[in-house]
Amino acid sequence: MAQPFISNHSPHTVSELKEEIKRLKENIQMLELEIQHIQKNCKHVFLEEQGFRKCMKCHKIDVYYY
């Protein structure tokens, strides 16, 4: 079975893609910090499950295995 042809003519250069990855990682980090802030300041309403509970408002999860 022959491999499909892959063109060497990419619309993006490797350096452009690496820069985009870097920018996206920074954006992810910023969003994770925002989630942490929301969860820290939430007035939690927990839904109890076996072995954990999850806030219905901010989705924070507490695990309580003993």
N, C-alpha and C. Protein backbone atom coordinates (compact mmCIF):
# COMPACT_ATOMS: atom_id res chain seq x y z
N MET A 1 0.84 -1.17 0.00
CA MET A 1 0.00 0.00 0.00
C MET A 1 0.89 1.24 0.00
N ALA A 2 0.69 2.10 -0.92
CA ALA A 2 1.53 3.29 -1.06
C ALA A 2 1.14 4.36 -0.04
N GLN A 3 2.14 5.08 0.42
CA GLN A 3 1.90 6.20 1.34
C GLN A 3 1.35 7.39 0.58
N PRO A 4 0.44 8.14 1.20
CA PRO A 4 -0.08 9.34 0.51
C PRO A 4 1.02 10.38 0.35
N PHE A 5 0.94 11.12 -0.73
CA PHE A 5 1.92 12.15 -1.01
C PHE A 5 1.73 13.32 -0.06
N ILE A 6 2.83 13.77 0.52
CA ILE A 6 2.80 14.93 1.41
C ILE A 6 3.58 16.04 0.73
N SER A 7 2.91 17.14 0.51
CA SER A 7 3.54 18.27 -0.16
C SER A 7 4.50 18.98 0.79
N ASN A 8 5.59 19.46 0.26
CA ASN A 8 6.54 20.25 1.03
C ASN A 8 6.14 21.72 1.09
N HIS A 9 5.05 22.07 0.45
CA HIS A 9 4.60 23.46 0.42
C HIS A 9 3.56 23.68 1.51
N SER A 10 4.06 24.02 2.69
CA SER A 10 3.19 24.25 3.84
C SER A 10 2.82 25.73 3.91
N PRO A 11 1.58 26.04 4.27
CA PRO A 11 1.20 27.45 4.40
C PRO A 11 1.86 28.12 5.61
N HIS A 12 2.39 27.33 6.52
CA HIS A 12 3.04 27.86 7.72
C HIS A 12 4.47 27.34 7.79
N THR A 13 5.34 28.15 8.30
CA THR A 13 6.69 27.67 8.54
C THR A 13 6.73 27.06 9.93
N VAL A 14 7.76 26.29 10.18
CA VAL A 14 7.92 25.65 11.48
C VAL A 14 8.03 26.71 12.58
N SER A 15 8.76 27.76 12.33
CA SER A 15 8.90 28.81 13.36
C SER A 15 7.57 29.49 13.65
N GLU A 16 6.73 29.69 12.63
CA GLU A 16 5.41 30.28 12.87
C GLU A 16 4.55 29.36 13.72
N LEU A 17 4.62 28.07 13.44
CA LEU A 17 3.85 27.10 14.21
C LEU A 17 4.33 27.03 15.65
N LYS A 18 5.64 27.07 15.85
CA LYS A 18 6.19 27.05 17.21
C LYS A 18 5.77 28.30 17.98
N GLU A 19 5.74 29.44 17.31
CA GLU A 19 5.29 30.68 17.96
C GLU A 19 3.81 30.57 18.34
N GLU A 20 3.01 29.99 17.48
CA GLU A 20 1.59 29.82 17.78
C GLU A 20 1.41 28.88 18.96
N ILE A 21 2.17 27.80 19.01
CA ILE A 21 2.13 26.86 20.13
C ILE A 21 2.48 27.59 21.42
N LYS A 22 3.53 28.39 21.38
CA LYS A 22 3.96 29.15 22.56
C LYS A 22 2.85 30.08 23.02
N ARG A 23 2.23 30.78 22.09
CA ARG A 23 1.16 31.72 22.42
C ARG A 23 -0.03 30.98 23.02
N LEU A 24 -0.38 29.83 22.45
CA LEU A 24 -1.50 29.05 22.95
C LEU A 24 -1.22 28.49 24.34
N LYS A 25 0.01 28.04 24.60
CA LYS A 25 0.38 27.55 25.93
C LYS A 25 0.26 28.66 26.96
N GLU A 26 0.69 29.87 26.60
CA GLU A 26 0.57 31.00 27.50
C GLU A 26 -0.90 31.31 27.77
N ASN A 27 -1.72 31.21 26.75
CA ASN A 27 -3.16 31.44 26.90
C ASN A 27 -3.78 30.38 27.82
N ILE A 28 -3.38 29.13 27.66
CA ILE A 28 -3.87 28.05 28.51
C ILE A 28 -3.48 28.33 29.96
N GLN A 29 -2.25 28.73 30.19
CA GLN A 29 -1.79 29.01 31.54
C GLN A 29 -2.60 30.15 32.16
N MET A 30 -2.88 31.19 31.40
CA MET A 30 -3.68 32.31 31.89
C MET A 30 -5.09 31.85 32.23
N LEU A 31 -5.68 31.01 31.39
CA LEU A 31 -7.03 30.51 31.64
C LEU A 31 -7.08 29.58 32.86
N GLU A 32 -6.04 28.78 33.05
CA GLU A 32 -5.98 27.91 34.23
C GLU A 32 -5.90 28.74 35.51
N LEU A 33 -5.15 29.84 35.48
CA LEU A 33 -5.09 30.73 36.64
C LEU A 33 -6.45 31.37 36.90
N GLU A 34 -7.16 31.71 35.85
CA GLU A 34 -8.49 32.29 35.99
C GLU A 34 -9.45 31.27 36.62
N ILE A 35 -9.37 30.01 36.20
CA ILE A 35 -10.20 28.96 36.80
C ILE A 35 -9.87 28.80 38.27
N GLN A 36 -8.57 28.80 38.63
CA GLN A 36 -8.17 28.69 40.03
C GLN A 36 -8.76 29.82 40.86
N HIS A 37 -8.72 31.03 40.31
CA HIS A 37 -9.26 32.20 41.01
C HIS A 37 -10.77 32.03 41.22
N ILE A 38 -11.49 31.60 40.19
CA ILE A 38 -12.93 31.40 40.30
C ILE A 38 -13.24 30.33 41.35
N GLN A 39 -12.51 29.22 41.31
CA GLN A 39 -12.76 28.15 42.26
C GLN A 39 -12.40 28.55 43.68
N LYS A 40 -11.37 29.36 43.84
CA LYS A 40 -10.96 29.80 45.18
C LYS A 40 -12.02 30.71 45.80
N ASN A 41 -12.68 31.52 44.99
CA ASN A 41 -13.63 32.50 45.49
C ASN A 41 -15.10 32.08 45.36
N CYS A 42 -15.34 30.85 44.94
CA CYS A 42 -16.70 30.35 44.75
C CYS A 42 -17.34 30.00 46.09
N LYS A 43 -18.63 30.28 46.22
CA LYS A 43 -19.41 29.78 47.35
C LYS A 43 -19.98 28.44 46.89
N HIS A 44 -19.23 27.40 47.18
CA HIS A 44 -19.46 26.07 46.60
C HIS A 44 -20.83 25.50 46.96
N VAL A 45 -21.40 24.82 45.99
CA VAL A 45 -22.61 24.01 46.16
C VAL A 45 -22.22 22.62 45.66
N PHE A 46 -21.85 21.76 46.61
CA PHE A 46 -21.29 20.47 46.25
C PHE A 46 -22.37 19.42 46.00
N LEU A 47 -22.13 18.60 45.00
CA LEU A 47 -22.91 17.41 44.72
C LEU A 47 -22.05 16.24 45.20
N GLU A 48 -22.54 15.51 46.18
CA GLU A 48 -21.76 14.43 46.79
C GLU A 48 -21.86 13.16 45.94
N GLU A 49 -20.72 12.55 45.69
CA GLU A 49 -20.63 11.27 45.01
C GLU A 49 -19.81 10.34 45.90
N GLN A 50 -19.74 9.09 45.53
CA GLN A 50 -18.95 8.15 46.31
C GLN A 50 -17.47 8.43 46.11
N GLY A 51 -16.78 8.89 47.16
CA GLY A 51 -15.35 9.12 47.11
C GLY A 51 -14.95 10.52 46.69
N PHE A 52 -15.90 11.35 46.23
CA PHE A 52 -15.57 12.72 45.86
C PHE A 52 -16.82 13.58 45.87
N ARG A 53 -16.61 14.87 45.83
CA ARG A 53 -17.71 15.80 45.67
C ARG A 53 -17.31 16.85 44.65
N LYS A 54 -18.31 17.37 43.93
CA LYS A 54 -18.03 18.31 42.84
C LYS A 54 -18.97 19.50 42.99
N CYS A 55 -18.38 20.70 42.92
CA CYS A 55 -19.18 21.91 42.98
C CYS A 55 -19.97 22.05 41.69
N MET A 56 -21.27 22.28 41.82
CA MET A 56 -22.12 22.42 40.64
C MET A 56 -21.92 23.76 39.95
N LYS A 57 -21.33 24.74 40.66
CA LYS A 57 -21.15 26.07 40.09
C LYS A 57 -19.80 26.21 39.37
N CYS A 58 -18.71 25.79 40.04
CA CYS A 58 -17.38 26.04 39.46
C CYS A 58 -16.65 24.76 39.06
N HIS A 59 -17.26 23.59 39.30
CA HIS A 59 -16.71 22.28 38.91
C HIS A 59 -15.46 21.88 39.68
N LYS A 60 -15.21 22.51 40.83
CA LYS A 60 -14.09 22.09 41.69
C LYS A 60 -14.39 20.70 42.23
N ILE A 61 -13.39 19.85 42.25
CA ILE A 61 -13.57 18.48 42.74
C ILE A 61 -12.71 18.28 43.98
N ASP A 62 -13.33 17.76 45.03
CA ASP A 62 -12.63 17.35 46.24
C ASP A 62 -12.73 15.84 46.35
N VAL A 63 -11.59 15.19 46.48
CA VAL A 63 -11.54 13.74 46.65
C VAL A 63 -11.32 13.45 48.12
N TYR A 64 -12.08 12.53 48.66
CA TYR A 64 -11.94 12.24 50.07
C TYR A 64 -11.91 10.73 50.35
N TYR A 65 -10.85 10.11 49.87
CA TYR A 65 -10.59 8.70 50.20
C TYR A 65 -9.79 8.66 51.48
N TYR A 66 -10.21 7.79 52.38
CA TYR A 66 -9.50 7.68 53.66
C TYR A 66 -8.82 6.34 53.77
